């Protein structure tokens, strides 16, 4: 599996999220109590950047800033309307203080497929 070095682990403290790019794809990188998650950064409902939304670390989810849909960070599931399609999830590894994100997501993003 190919990986991209996207950040130093200490640049994304617990409770924070940032937008990074992985092979031309926008990715929301979130730190939930020291565990990193990477999901596609574009909401599957309203084309909003999820990294501009809100992280709920207690529930392990991100809220879309446009229409308020929630997505689980562990598996990308859309858990509240108006979103219904899940987010692609990227594998994450922390090695030597660096966050590495895999280039192949779990599924294609709905807006990226014909």
PDB file of N, CA and C in Angstrom:
ATOM      1  N   UNK A   1       0.846  -1.175   0.000  1.00  0.00           N
ATOM      2  CA  UNK A   1       0.000   0.000   0.000  1.00  0.00           C
ATOM      3  C   UNK A   1       0.893   1.240   0.000  1.00  0.00           C
ATOM      4  N   UNK A   2       0.578   2.150  -0.864  1.00  0.00           N
ATOM      5  CA  UNK A   2       1.304   3.412  -0.944  1.00  0.00           C
ATOM      6  C   UNK A   2       0.761   4.382   0.100  1.00  0.00           C
ATOM      7  N   UNK A   3       1.679   5.143   0.710  1.00  0.00           N
ATOM      8  CA  UNK A   3       1.298   6.110   1.738  1.00  0.00           C
ATOM      9  C   UNK A   3       1.914   7.460   1.426  1.00  0.00           C
ATOM     10  N   UNK A   4       1.271   8.507   1.965  1.00  0.00           N
ATOM     11  CA  UNK A   4       1.760   9.872   1.833  1.00  0.00           C
ATOM     12  C   UNK A   4       1.968  10.440   3.235  1.00  0.00           C
ATOM     13  N   UNK A   5       3.119  11.061   3.454  1.00  0.00           N
ATOM     14  CA  UNK A   5       3.412  11.740   4.710  1.00  0.00           C
ATOM     15  C   UNK A   5       2.674  13.075   4.661  1.00  0.00           C
ATOM     16  N   UNK A   6       1.711  13.276   5.574  1.00  0.00           N
ATOM     17  CA  UNK A   6       0.873  14.478   5.501  1.00  0.00           C
ATOM     18  C   UNK A   6       1.111  15.492   6.612  1.00  0.00           C
ATOM     19  N   UNK A   7       1.681  15.065   7.749  1.00  0.00           N
ATOM     20  CA  UNK A   7       1.852  16.007   8.863  1.00  0.00           C
ATOM     21  C   UNK A   7       2.698  15.386   9.958  1.00  0.00           C
ATOM     22  N   UNK A   8       3.261  16.245  10.783  1.00  0.00           N
ATOM     23  CA  UNK A   8       3.852  15.784  12.038  1.00  0.00           C
ATOM     24  C   UNK A   8       2.699  15.529  13.002  1.00  0.00           C
ATOM     25  N   UNK A   9       2.783  14.460  13.760  1.00  0.00           N
ATOM     26  CA  UNK A   9       1.691  14.118  14.678  1.00  0.00           C
ATOM     27  C   UNK A   9       1.407  15.247  15.659  1.00  0.00           C
ATOM     28  N   UNK A  10       2.437  15.950  16.094  1.00  0.00           N
ATOM     29  CA  UNK A  10       2.200  17.025  17.074  1.00  0.00           C
ATOM     30  C   UNK A  10       1.628  18.292  16.452  1.00  0.00           C
ATOM     31  N   UNK A  11       1.525  18.341  15.127  1.00  0.00           N
ATOM     32  CA  UNK A  11       0.884  19.480  14.455  1.00  0.00           C
ATOM     33  C   UNK A  11      -0.641  19.385  14.493  1.00  0.00           C
ATOM     34  N   UNK A  12      -1.152  18.205  14.816  1.00  0.00           N
ATOM     35  CA  UNK A  12      -2.603  17.986  14.893  1.00  0.00           C
ATOM     36  C   UNK A  12      -2.891  17.438  16.294  1.00  0.00           C
ATOM     37  N   UNK A  13      -3.087  18.346  17.260  1.00  0.00           N
ATOM     38  CA  UNK A  13      -3.287  17.894  18.646  1.00  0.00           C
ATOM     39  C   UNK A  13      -4.637  17.198  18.825  1.00  0.00           C
ATOM     40  N   UNK A  14      -4.790  16.434  19.901  1.00  0.00           N
ATOM     41  CA  UNK A  14      -6.088  15.804  20.175  1.00  0.00           C
ATOM     42  C   UNK A  14      -7.217  16.842  20.142  1.00  0.00           C
ATOM     43  N   UNK A  15      -8.303  16.474  19.470  1.00  0.00           N
ATOM     44  CA  UNK A  15      -9.452  17.367  19.341  1.00  0.00           C
ATOM     45  C   UNK A  15      -9.387  18.282  18.131  1.00  0.00           C
ATOM     46  N   UNK A  16      -8.337  18.144  17.319  1.00  0.00           N
ATOM     47  CA  UNK A  16      -8.181  19.005  16.145  1.00  0.00           C
ATOM     48  C   UNK A  16      -8.324  18.199  14.859  1.00  0.00           C
ATOM     49  N   UNK A  17      -8.609  18.921  13.789  1.00  0.00           N
ATOM     50  CA  UNK A  17      -8.621  18.306  12.462  1.00  0.00           C
ATOM     51  C   UNK A  17      -8.109  19.327  11.456  1.00  0.00           C
ATOM     52  N   UNK A  18      -7.506  18.813  10.387  1.00  0.00           N
ATOM     53  CA  UNK A  18      -6.945  19.649   9.333  1.00  0.00           C
ATOM     54  C   UNK A  18      -7.248  19.012   7.984  1.00  0.00           C
ATOM     55  N   UNK A  19      -7.210  19.848   6.968  1.00  0.00           N
ATOM     56  CA  UNK A  19      -7.366  19.350   5.603  1.00  0.00           C
ATOM     57  C   UNK A  19      -5.973  19.110   5.034  1.00  0.00           C
ATOM     58  N   UNK A  20      -5.783  17.922   4.469  1.00  0.00           N
ATOM     59  CA  UNK A  20      -4.537  17.579   3.802  1.00  0.00           C
ATOM     60  C   UNK A  20      -4.890  17.034   2.424  1.00  0.00           C
ATOM     61  N   UNK A  21      -3.887  16.858   1.588  1.00  0.00           N
ATOM     62  CA  UNK A  21      -4.125  16.301   0.260  1.00  0.00           C
ATOM     63  C   UNK A  21      -3.359  14.994   0.127  1.00  0.00           C
ATOM     64  N   UNK A  22      -4.040  13.987  -0.401  1.00  0.00           N
ATOM     65  CA  UNK A  22      -3.444  12.675  -0.622  1.00  0.00           C
ATOM     66  C   UNK A  22      -3.707  12.288  -2.069  1.00  0.00           C
ATOM     67  N   UNK A  23      -2.658  12.280  -2.865  1.00  0.00           N
ATOM     68  CA  UNK A  23      -2.775  11.957  -4.292  1.00  0.00           C
ATOM     69  C   UNK A  23      -3.892  12.745  -4.982  1.00  0.00           C
ATOM     70  N   UNK A  24      -3.971  14.035  -4.704  1.00  0.00           N
ATOM     71  CA  UNK A  24      -4.956  14.901  -5.338  1.00  0.00           C
ATOM     72  C   UNK A  24      -6.334  14.859  -4.710  1.00  0.00           C
ATOM     73  N   UNK A  25      -6.521  14.058  -3.672  1.00  0.00           N
ATOM     74  CA  UNK A  25      -7.820  13.964  -3.002  1.00  0.00           C
ATOM     75  C   UNK A  25      -7.793  14.762  -1.706  1.00  0.00           C
ATOM     76  N   UNK A  26      -8.829  15.570  -1.441  1.00  0.00           N
ATOM     77  CA  UNK A  26      -8.884  16.284  -0.170  1.00  0.00           C
ATOM     78  C   UNK A  26      -9.249  15.317   0.955  1.00  0.00           C
ATOM     79  N   UNK A  27      -8.484  15.376   2.039  1.00  0.00           N
ATOM     80  CA  UNK A  27      -8.682  14.451   3.152  1.00  0.00           C
ATOM     81  C   UNK A  27      -8.774  15.250   4.447  1.00  0.00           C
ATOM     82  N   UNK A  28      -9.750  14.894   5.266  1.00  0.00           N
ATOM     83  CA  UNK A  28      -9.897  15.461   6.600  1.00  0.00           C
ATOM     84  C   UNK A  28      -9.164  14.535   7.564  1.00  0.00           C
ATOM     85  N   UNK A  29      -8.096  15.066   8.170  1.00  0.00           N
ATOM     86  CA  UNK A  29      -7.307  14.315   9.140  1.00  0.00           C
ATOM     87  C   UNK A  29      -7.708  14.781  10.530  1.00  0.00           C
ATOM     88  N   UNK A  30      -8.189  13.853  11.356  1.00  0.00           N
ATOM     89  CA  UNK A  30      -8.682  14.197  12.701  1.00  0.00           C
ATOM     90  C   UNK A  30      -7.933  13.407  13.754  1.00  0.00           C
ATOM     91  N   UNK A  31      -7.666  14.075  14.874  1.00  0.00           N
ATOM     92  CA  UNK A  31      -7.025  13.433  16.010  1.00  0.00           C
ATOM     93  C   UNK A  31      -8.061  13.314  17.123  1.00  0.00           C
ATOM     94  N   UNK A  32      -8.467  12.089  17.399  1.00  0.00           N
ATOM     95  CA  UNK A  32      -9.438  11.817  18.461  1.00  0.00           C
ATOM     96  C   UNK A  32      -8.692  11.136  19.605  1.00  0.00           C
ATOM     97  N   UNK A  33      -8.370  11.921  20.625  1.00  0.00           N
ATOM     98  CA  UNK A  33      -7.677  11.410  21.807  1.00  0.00           C
ATOM     99  C   UNK A  33      -6.406  10.633  21.459  1.00  0.00           C
ATOM    100  N   UNK A  34      -5.648  11.131  20.482  1.00  0.00           N
ATOM    101  CA  UNK A  34      -4.387  10.503  20.106  1.00  0.00           C
ATOM    102  C   UNK A  34      -4.492   9.467  19.009  1.00  0.00           C
ATOM    103  N   UNK A  35      -5.704   9.154  18.578  1.00  0.00           N
ATOM    104  CA  UNK A  35      -5.910   8.232  17.460  1.00  0.00           C
ATOM    105  C   UNK A  35      -6.265   9.051  16.227  1.00  0.00           C
ATOM    106  N   UNK A  36      -5.507   8.857  15.165  1.00  0.00           N
ATOM    107  CA  UNK A  36      -5.745   9.616  13.935  1.00  0.00           C
ATOM    108  C   UNK A  36      -6.704   8.877  13.020  1.00  0.00           C
ATOM    109  N   UNK A  37      -7.586   9.666  12.393  1.00  0.00           N
ATOM    110  CA  UNK A  37      -8.539   9.154  11.409  1.00  0.00           C
ATOM    111  C   UNK A  37      -8.425  10.025  10.162  1.00  0.00           C
ATOM    112  N   UNK A  38      -8.642   9.405   9.008  1.00  0.00           N
ATOM    113  CA  UNK A  38      -8.614  10.149   7.753  1.00  0.00           C
ATOM    114  C   UNK A  38      -9.820   9.741   6.914  1.00  0.00           C
ATOM    115  N   UNK A  39     -10.647  10.731   6.582  1.00  0.00           N
ATOM    116  CA  UNK A  39     -11.814  10.509   5.727  1.00  0.00           C
ATOM    117  C   UNK A  39     -11.775  11.549   4.614  1.00  0.00           C
ATOM    118  N   UNK A  40     -12.472  11.270   3.528  1.00  0.00           N
ATOM    119  CA  UNK A  40     -12.563  12.244   2.446  1.00  0.00           C
ATOM    120  C   UNK A  40     -13.101  13.548   3.029  1.00  0.00           C
ATOM    121  N   UNK A  41     -12.536  14.669   2.606  1.00  0.00           N
ATOM    122  CA  UNK A  41     -12.893  15.956   3.210  1.00  0.00           C
ATOM    123  C   UNK A  41     -14.188  16.558   2.673  1.00  0.00           C
ATOM    124  N   UNK A  42     -14.758  15.981   1.639  1.00  0.00           N
ATOM    125  CA  UNK A  42     -15.960  16.565   1.037  1.00  0.00           C
ATOM    126  C   UNK A  42     -17.204  15.813   1.493  1.00  0.00           C
ATOM    127  N   UNK A  43     -18.148  16.540   2.084  1.00  0.00           N
ATOM    128  CA  UNK A  43     -19.412  15.949   2.508  1.00  0.00           C
ATOM    129  C   UNK A  43     -20.084  15.274   1.321  1.00  0.00           C
ATOM    130  N   UNK A  44     -20.643  14.099   1.557  1.00  0.00           N
ATOM    131  CA  UNK A  44     -21.299  13.362   0.468  1.00  0.00           C
ATOM    132  C   UNK A  44     -22.678  13.913   0.141  1.00  0.00           C
ATOM    133  N   UNK A  45     -23.126  14.913   0.887  1.00  0.00           N
ATOM    134  CA  UNK A  45     -24.415  15.528   0.598  1.00  0.00           C
ATOM    135  C   UNK A  45     -24.268  16.900  -0.047  1.00  0.00           C
ATOM    136  N   UNK A  46     -23.476  17.781   0.567  1.00  0.00           N
ATOM    137  CA  UNK A  46     -23.520  19.168   0.140  1.00  0.00           C
ATOM    138  C   UNK A  46     -22.226  19.799  -0.323  1.00  0.00           C
ATOM    139  N   UNK A  47     -21.222  19.005  -0.663  1.00  0.00           N
ATOM    140  CA  UNK A  47     -19.974  19.528  -1.219  1.00  0.00           C
ATOM    141  C   UNK A  47     -19.239  20.480  -0.278  1.00  0.00           C
ATOM    142  N   UNK A  48     -19.435  20.386   1.020  1.00  0.00           N
ATOM    143  CA  UNK A  48     -18.741  21.241   1.982  1.00  0.00           C
ATOM    144  C   UNK A  48     -17.480  20.543   2.485  1.00  0.00           C
ATOM    145  N   UNK A  49     -16.505  21.338   2.891  1.00  0.00           N
ATOM    146  CA  UNK A  49     -15.269  20.810   3.468  1.00  0.00           C
ATOM    147  C   UNK A  49     -15.512  20.428   4.921  1.00  0.00           C
ATOM    148  N   UNK A  50     -15.353  19.153   5.222  1.00  0.00           N
ATOM    149  CA  UNK A  50     -15.605  18.693   6.589  1.00  0.00           C
ATOM    150  C   UNK A  50     -14.567  19.206   7.575  1.00  0.00           C
ATOM    151  N   UNK A  51     -13.360  19.451   7.116  1.00  0.00           N
ATOM    152  CA  UNK A  51     -12.338  19.973   8.030  1.00  0.00           C
ATOM    153  C   UNK A  51     -12.668  21.394   8.479  1.00  0.00           C
ATOM    154  N   UNK A  52     -13.617  22.044   7.806  1.00  0.00           N
ATOM    155  CA  UNK A  52     -14.105  23.363   8.222  1.00  0.00           C
ATOM    156  C   UNK A  52     -15.300  23.224   9.171  1.00  0.00           C
ATOM    157  N   UNK A  53     -15.670  21.977   9.452  1.00  0.00           N
ATOM    158  CA  UNK A  53     -16.801  21.715  10.343  1.00  0.00           C
ATOM    159  C   UNK A  53     -16.351  21.554  11.772  1.00  0.00           C
ATOM    160  N   UNK A  54     -17.022  20.669  12.510  1.00  0.00           N
ATOM    161  CA  UNK A  54     -16.784  20.502  13.937  1.00  0.00           C
ATOM    162  C   UNK A  54     -16.504  19.050  14.262  1.00  0.00           C
ATOM    163  N   UNK A  55     -15.491  18.853  15.066  1.00  0.00           N
ATOM    164  CA  UNK A  55     -15.128  17.523  15.525  1.00  0.00           C
ATOM    165  C   UNK A  55     -15.785  17.265  16.876  1.00  0.00           C
ATOM    166  N   UNK A  56     -16.452  16.138  17.004  1.00  0.00           N
ATOM    167  CA  UNK A  56     -17.028  15.700  18.272  1.00  0.00           C
ATOM    168  C   UNK A  56     -16.203  14.497  18.720  1.00  0.00           C
ATOM    169  N   UNK A  57     -15.109  14.745  19.463  1.00  0.00           N
ATOM    170  CA  UNK A  57     -14.216  13.645  19.813  1.00  0.00           C
ATOM    171  C   UNK A  57     -14.853  12.618  20.753  1.00  0.00           C
ATOM    172  N   UNK A  58     -15.799  13.043  21.579  1.00  0.00           N
ATOM    173  CA  UNK A  58     -16.442  12.096  22.493  1.00  0.00           C
ATOM    174  C   UNK A  58     -17.232  11.031  21.739  1.00  0.00           C
ATOM    175  N   UNK A  59     -17.782  11.400  20.588  1.00  0.00           N
ATOM    176  CA  UNK A  59     -18.576  10.473  19.785  1.00  0.00           C
ATOM    177  C   UNK A  59     -17.801   9.960  18.567  1.00  0.00           C
ATOM    178  N   UNK A  60     -16.595  10.475  18.327  1.00  0.00           N
ATOM    179  CA  UNK A  60     -15.798  10.024  17.185  1.00  0.00           C
ATOM    180  C   UNK A  60     -16.436  10.363  15.861  1.00  0.00           C
ATOM    181  N   UNK A  61     -16.938  11.600  15.763  1.00  0.00           N
ATOM    182  CA  UNK A  61     -17.635  11.985  14.542  1.00  0.00           C
ATOM    183  C   UNK A  61     -17.303  13.427  14.165  1.00  0.00           C
ATOM    184  N   UNK A  62     -17.585  13.753  12.910  1.00  0.00           N
ATOM    185  CA  UNK A  62     -17.387  15.099  12.393  1.00  0.00           C
ATOM    186  C   UNK A  62     -18.739  15.598  11.876  1.00  0.00           C
ATOM    187  N   UNK A  63     -18.969  16.907  12.084  1.00  0.00           N
ATOM    188  CA  UNK A  63     -20.218  17.519  11.624  1.00  0.00           C
ATOM    189  C   UNK A  63     -19.930  18.414  10.428  1.00  0.00           C
ATOM    190  N   UNK A  64     -20.719  18.264   9.381  1.00  0.00           N
ATOM    191  CA  UNK A  64     -20.587  19.093   8.188  1.00  0.00           C
ATOM    192  C   UNK A  64     -21.034  20.522   8.508  1.00  0.00           C
ATOM    193  N   UNK A  65     -20.250  21.523   8.093  1.00  0.00           N
ATOM    194  CA  UNK A  65     -20.611  22.903   8.406  1.00  0.00           C
ATOM    195  C   UNK A  65     -21.787  23.438   7.591  1.00  0.00           C
ATOM    196  N   UNK A  66     -22.132  22.789   6.495  1.00  0.00           N
ATOM    197  CA  UNK A  66     -23.191  23.323   5.643  1.00  0.00           C
ATOM    198  C   UNK A  66     -24.590  22.937   6.109  1.00  0.00           C
ATOM    199  N   UNK A  67     -24.853  21.642   6.281  1.00  0.00           N
ATOM    200  CA  UNK A  67     -26.214  21.209   6.628  1.00  0.00           C
ATOM    201  C   UNK A  67     -26.294  20.392   7.912  1.00  0.00           C
ATOM    202  N   UNK A  68     -25.159  20.229   8.607  1.00  0.00           N
ATOM    203  CA  UNK A  68     -25.194  19.580   9.910  1.00  0.00           C
ATOM    204  C   UNK A  68     -25.184  18.064   9.917  1.00  0.00           C
ATOM    205  N   UNK A  69     -24.915  17.426   8.792  1.00  0.00           N
ATOM    206  CA  UNK A  69     -24.840  15.963   8.784  1.00  0.00           C
ATOM    207  C   UNK A  69     -23.623  15.514   9.590  1.00  0.00           C
ATOM    208  N   UNK A  70     -23.768  14.397  10.290  1.00  0.00           N
ATOM    209  CA  UNK A  70     -22.665  13.809  11.047  1.00  0.00           C
ATOM    210  C   UNK A  70     -22.170  12.549  10.337  1.00  0.00           C
ATOM    211  N   UNK A  71     -20.848  12.364  10.408  1.00  0.00           N
ATOM    212  CA  UNK A  71     -20.207  11.167   9.855  1.00  0.00           C
ATOM    213  C   UNK A  71     -19.310  10.567  10.917  1.00  0.00           C
ATOM    214  N   UNK A  72     -19.331   9.239  11.045  1.00  0.00           N
ATOM    215  CA  UNK A  72     -18.392   8.556  11.942  1.00  0.00           C
ATOM    216  C   UNK A  72     -17.011   8.563  11.303  1.00  0.00           C
ATOM    217  N   UNK A  73     -16.007   8.792  12.105  1.00  0.00           N
ATOM    218  CA  UNK A  73     -14.650   8.842  11.592  1.00  0.00           C
ATOM    219  C   UNK A  73     -14.027   7.459  11.418  1.00  0.00           C
ATOM    220  N   UNK A  74     -14.481   6.467  12.174  1.00  0.00           N
ATOM    221  CA  UNK A  74     -13.863   5.148  12.075  1.00  0.00           C
ATOM    222  C   UNK A  74     -14.233   4.403  10.799  1.00  0.00           C
ATOM    223  N   UNK A  75     -15.481   4.568  10.342  1.00  0.00           N
ATOM    224  CA  UNK A  75     -15.891   3.845   9.132  1.00  0.00           C
ATOM    225  C   UNK A  75     -16.535   4.740   8.064  1.00  0.00           C
ATOM    226  N   UNK A  76     -16.635   6.054   8.322  1.00  0.00           N
ATOM    227  CA  UNK A  76     -17.173   6.993   7.337  1.00  0.00           C
ATOM    228  C   UNK A  76     -18.680   7.018   7.224  1.00  0.00           C
ATOM    229  N   UNK A  77     -19.385   6.238   8.019  1.00  0.00           N
ATOM    230  CA  UNK A  77     -20.844   6.143   7.904  1.00  0.00           C
ATOM    231  C   UNK A  77     -21.516   7.502   8.122  1.00  0.00           C
ATOM    232  N   UNK A  78     -22.506   7.777   7.284  1.00  0.00           N
ATOM    233  CA  UNK A  78     -23.366   8.954   7.469  1.00  0.00           C
ATOM    234  C   UNK A  78     -24.371   8.569   8.547  1.00  0.00           C
ATOM    235  N   UNK A  79     -24.372   9.316   9.654  1.00  0.00           N
ATOM    236  CA  UNK A  79     -25.226   8.896  10.767  1.00  0.00           C
ATOM    237  C   UNK A  79     -26.403   9.832  11.021  1.00  0.00           C
ATOM    238  N   UNK A  80     -26.429  10.987  10.355  1.00  0.00           N
ATOM    239  CA  UNK A  80     -27.611  11.847  10.432  1.00  0.00           C
ATOM    240  C   UNK A  80     -27.876  12.447   9.061  1.00  0.00           C
ATOM    241  N   UNK A  81     -29.160  12.707   8.770  1.00  0.00           N
ATOM    242  CA  UNK A  81     -29.487  13.374   7.517  1.00  0.00           C
ATOM    243  C   UNK A  81     -28.998  14.817   7.549  1.00  0.00           C
ATOM    244  N   UNK A  82     -28.865  15.451   6.428  1.00  0.00           N
ATOM    245  CA  UNK A  82     -29.355  15.002   5.133  1.00  0.00           C
ATOM    246  C   UNK A  82     -28.409  14.077   4.381  1.00  0.00           C
ATOM    247  N   UNK A  83     -27.222  13.799   4.889  1.00  0.00           N
ATOM    248  CA  UNK A  83     -26.307  12.882   4.200  1.00  0.00           C
ATOM    249  C   UNK A  83     -26.792  11.449   4.363  1.00  0.00           C
ATOM    250  N   UNK A  84     -26.646  10.668   3.300  1.00  0.00           N
ATOM    251  CA  UNK A  84     -26.996   9.249   3.357  1.00  0.00           C
ATOM    252  C   UNK A  84     -25.838   8.367   2.899  1.00  0.00           C
ATOM    253  N   UNK A  85     -24.964   8.889   2.045  1.00  0.00           N
ATOM    254  CA  UNK A  85     -23.833   8.108   1.537  1.00  0.00           C
ATOM    255  C   UNK A  85     -22.643   8.236   2.483  1.00  0.00           C
ATOM    256  N   UNK A  86     -21.912   7.150   2.688  1.00  0.00           N
ATOM    257  CA  UNK A  86     -20.751   7.202   3.583  1.00  0.00           C
ATOM    258  C   UNK A  86     -19.566   7.916   2.940  1.00  0.00           C
ATOM    259  N   UNK A  87     -18.652   8.333   3.792  1.00  0.00           N
ATOM    260  CA  UNK A  87     -17.393   8.921   3.330  1.00  0.00           C
ATOM    261  C   UNK A  87     -16.371   7.820   3.078  1.00  0.00           C
ATOM    262  N   UNK A  88     -15.530   7.988   2.070  1.00  0.00           N
ATOM    263  CA  UNK A  88     -14.394   7.084   1.937  1.00  0.00           C
ATOM    264  C   UNK A  88     -13.452   7.283   3.125  1.00  0.00           C
ATOM    265  N   UNK A  89     -12.892   6.192   3.614  1.00  0.00           N
ATOM    266  CA  UNK A  89     -11.964   6.207   4.737  1.00  0.00           C
ATOM    267  C   UNK A  89     -10.583   5.802   4.225  1.00  0.00           C
ATOM    268  N   UNK A  90      -9.568   6.500   4.698  1.00  0.00           N
ATOM    269  CA  UNK A  90      -8.197   6.216   4.302  1.00  0.00           C
ATOM    270  C   UNK A  90      -7.458   5.581   5.475  1.00  0.00           C
ATOM    271  N   UNK A  91      -6.597   4.590   5.211  1.00  0.00           N
ATOM    272  CA  UNK A  91      -5.800   4.027   6.295  1.00  0.00           C
ATOM    273  C   UNK A  91      -4.789   5.046   6.806  1.00  0.00           C
ATOM    274  N   UNK A  92      -4.548   5.031   8.123  1.00  0.00           N
ATOM    275  CA  UNK A  92      -3.625   5.974   8.767  1.00  0.00           C
ATOM    276  C   UNK A  92      -2.631   5.203   9.620  1.00  0.00           C
ATOM    277  N   UNK A  93      -1.392   5.668   9.576  1.00  0.00           N
ATOM    278  CA  UNK A  93      -0.341   5.104  10.420  1.00  0.00           C
ATOM    279  C   UNK A  93       0.505   6.258  10.944  1.00  0.00           C
ATOM    280  N   UNK A  94       0.902   6.171  12.205  1.00  0.00           N
ATOM    281  CA  UNK A  94       1.842   7.140  12.771  1.00  0.00           C
ATOM    282  C   UNK A  94       3.168   6.407  12.942  1.00  0.00           C
ATOM    283  N   UNK A  95       4.198   6.953  12.309  1.00  0.00           N
ATOM    284  CA  UNK A  95       5.518   6.336  12.367  1.00  0.00           C
ATOM    285  C   UNK A  95       6.574   7.420  12.585  1.00  0.00           C
ATOM    286  N   UNK A  96       7.364   7.241  13.615  1.00  0.00           N
ATOM    287  CA  UNK A  96       8.439   8.192  13.924  1.00  0.00           C
ATOM    288  C   UNK A  96       7.928   9.627  14.029  1.00  0.00           C
ATOM    289  N   UNK A  97       6.752   9.794  14.631  1.00  0.00           N
ATOM    290  CA  UNK A  97       6.197  11.126  14.834  1.00  0.00           C
ATOM    291  C   UNK A  97       5.551  11.750  13.609  1.00  0.00           C
ATOM    292  N   UNK A  98       5.435  10.997  12.525  1.00  0.00           N
ATOM    293  CA  UNK A  98       4.828  11.498  11.291  1.00  0.00           C
ATOM    294  C   UNK A  98       3.530  10.741  11.023  1.00  0.00           C
ATOM    295  N   UNK A  99       2.533  11.448  10.469  1.00  0.00           N
ATOM    296  CA  UNK A  99       1.256  10.826  10.119  1.00  0.00           C
ATOM    297  C   UNK A  99       1.301  10.467   8.641  1.00  0.00           C
ATOM    298  N   UNK A 100       1.113   9.180   8.359  1.00  0.00           N
ATOM    299  CA  UNK A 100       1.107   8.665   6.993  1.00  0.00           C
ATOM    300  C   UNK A 100      -0.308   8.216   6.655  1.00  0.00           C
ATOM    301  N   UNK A 101      -0.802   8.655   5.501  1.00  0.00           N
ATOM    302  CA  UNK A 101      -2.152   8.299   5.060  1.00  0.00           C
ATOM    303  C   UNK A 101      -2.036   7.489   3.779  1.00  0.00           C
ATOM    304  N   UNK A 102      -2.740   6.368   3.742  1.00  0.00           N
ATOM    305  CA  UNK A 102      -2.754   5.520   2.555  1.00  0.00           C
ATOM    306  C   UNK A 102      -3.450   6.208   1.395  1.00  0.00           C
ATOM    307  N   UNK A 103      -3.011   5.894   0.194  1.00  0.00           N
ATOM    308  CA  UNK A 103      -3.551   6.561  -0.993  1.00  0.00           C
ATOM    309  C   UNK A 103      -4.822   5.917  -1.536  1.00  0.00           C
ATOM    310  N   UNK A 104      -5.167   4.748  -1.029  1.00  0.00           N
ATOM    311  CA  UNK A 104      -6.359   4.053  -1.526  1.00  0.00           C
ATOM    312  C   UNK A 104      -7.449   4.068  -0.467  1.00  0.00           C
ATOM    313  N   UNK A 105      -8.545   4.808  -0.725  1.00  0.00           N
ATOM    314  CA  UNK A 105      -9.636   4.844   0.255  1.00  0.00           C
ATOM    315  C   UNK A 105     -10.458   3.562   0.232  1.00  0.00           C
ATOM    316  N   UNK A 106     -11.290   3.410   1.259  1.00  0.00           N
ATOM    317  CA  UNK A 106     -12.138   2.225   1.386  1.00  0.00           C
ATOM    318  C   UNK A 106     -13.127   2.079   0.232  1.00  0.00           C
ATOM    319  N   UNK A 107     -13.648   3.205  -0.236  1.00  0.00           N
ATOM    320  CA  UNK A 107     -14.589   3.240  -1.352  1.00  0.00           C
ATOM    321  C   UNK A 107     -14.367   4.524  -2.118  1.00  0.00           C
ATOM    322  N   UNK A 108     -14.850   4.614  -3.349  1.00  0.00           N
ATOM    323  CA  UNK A 108     -14.764   5.907  -4.045  1.00  0.00           C
ATOM    324  C   UNK A 108     -15.751   6.912  -3.442  1.00  0.00           C
ATOM    325  N   UNK A 109     -15.453   8.178  -3.581  1.00  0.00           N
ATOM    326  CA  UNK A 109     -16.386   9.216  -3.127  1.00  0.00           C
ATOM    327  C   UNK A 109     -17.537   9.281  -4.141  1.00  0.00           C
ATOM    328  N   UNK A 110     -18.778   9.436  -3.679  1.00  0.00           N
ATOM    329  CA  UNK A 110     -19.916   9.459  -4.606  1.00  0.00           C
ATOM    330  C   UNK A 110     -19.802  10.542  -5.681  1.00  0.00           C
ATOM    331  N   UNK A 111     -19.175  11.675  -5.380  1.00  0.00           N
ATOM    332  CA  UNK A 111     -19.047  12.736  -6.363  1.00  0.00           C
ATOM    333  C   UNK A 111     -17.946  12.453  -7.373  1.00  0.00           C
ATOM    334  N   UNK A 112     -17.079  11.464  -7.084  1.00  0.00           N
ATOM    335  CA  UNK A 112     -15.982  11.131  -7.970  1.00  0.00           C
ATOM    336  C   UNK A 112     -16.318  10.012  -8.939  1.00  0.00           C
ATOM    337  N   UNK A 113     -17.472   9.392  -8.792  1.00  0.00           N
ATOM    338  CA  UNK A 113     -17.823   8.273  -9.662  1.00  0.00           C
ATOM    339  C   UNK A 113     -18.790   8.736 -10.743  1.00  0.00           C
ATOM    340  N   UNK A 114     -18.726   8.096 -11.904  1.00  0.00           N
ATOM    341  CA  UNK A 114     -19.632   8.494 -13.002  1.00  0.00           C
ATOM    342  C   UNK A 114     -21.089   8.164 -12.738  1.00  0.00           C
TER     343      UNK A 114
END
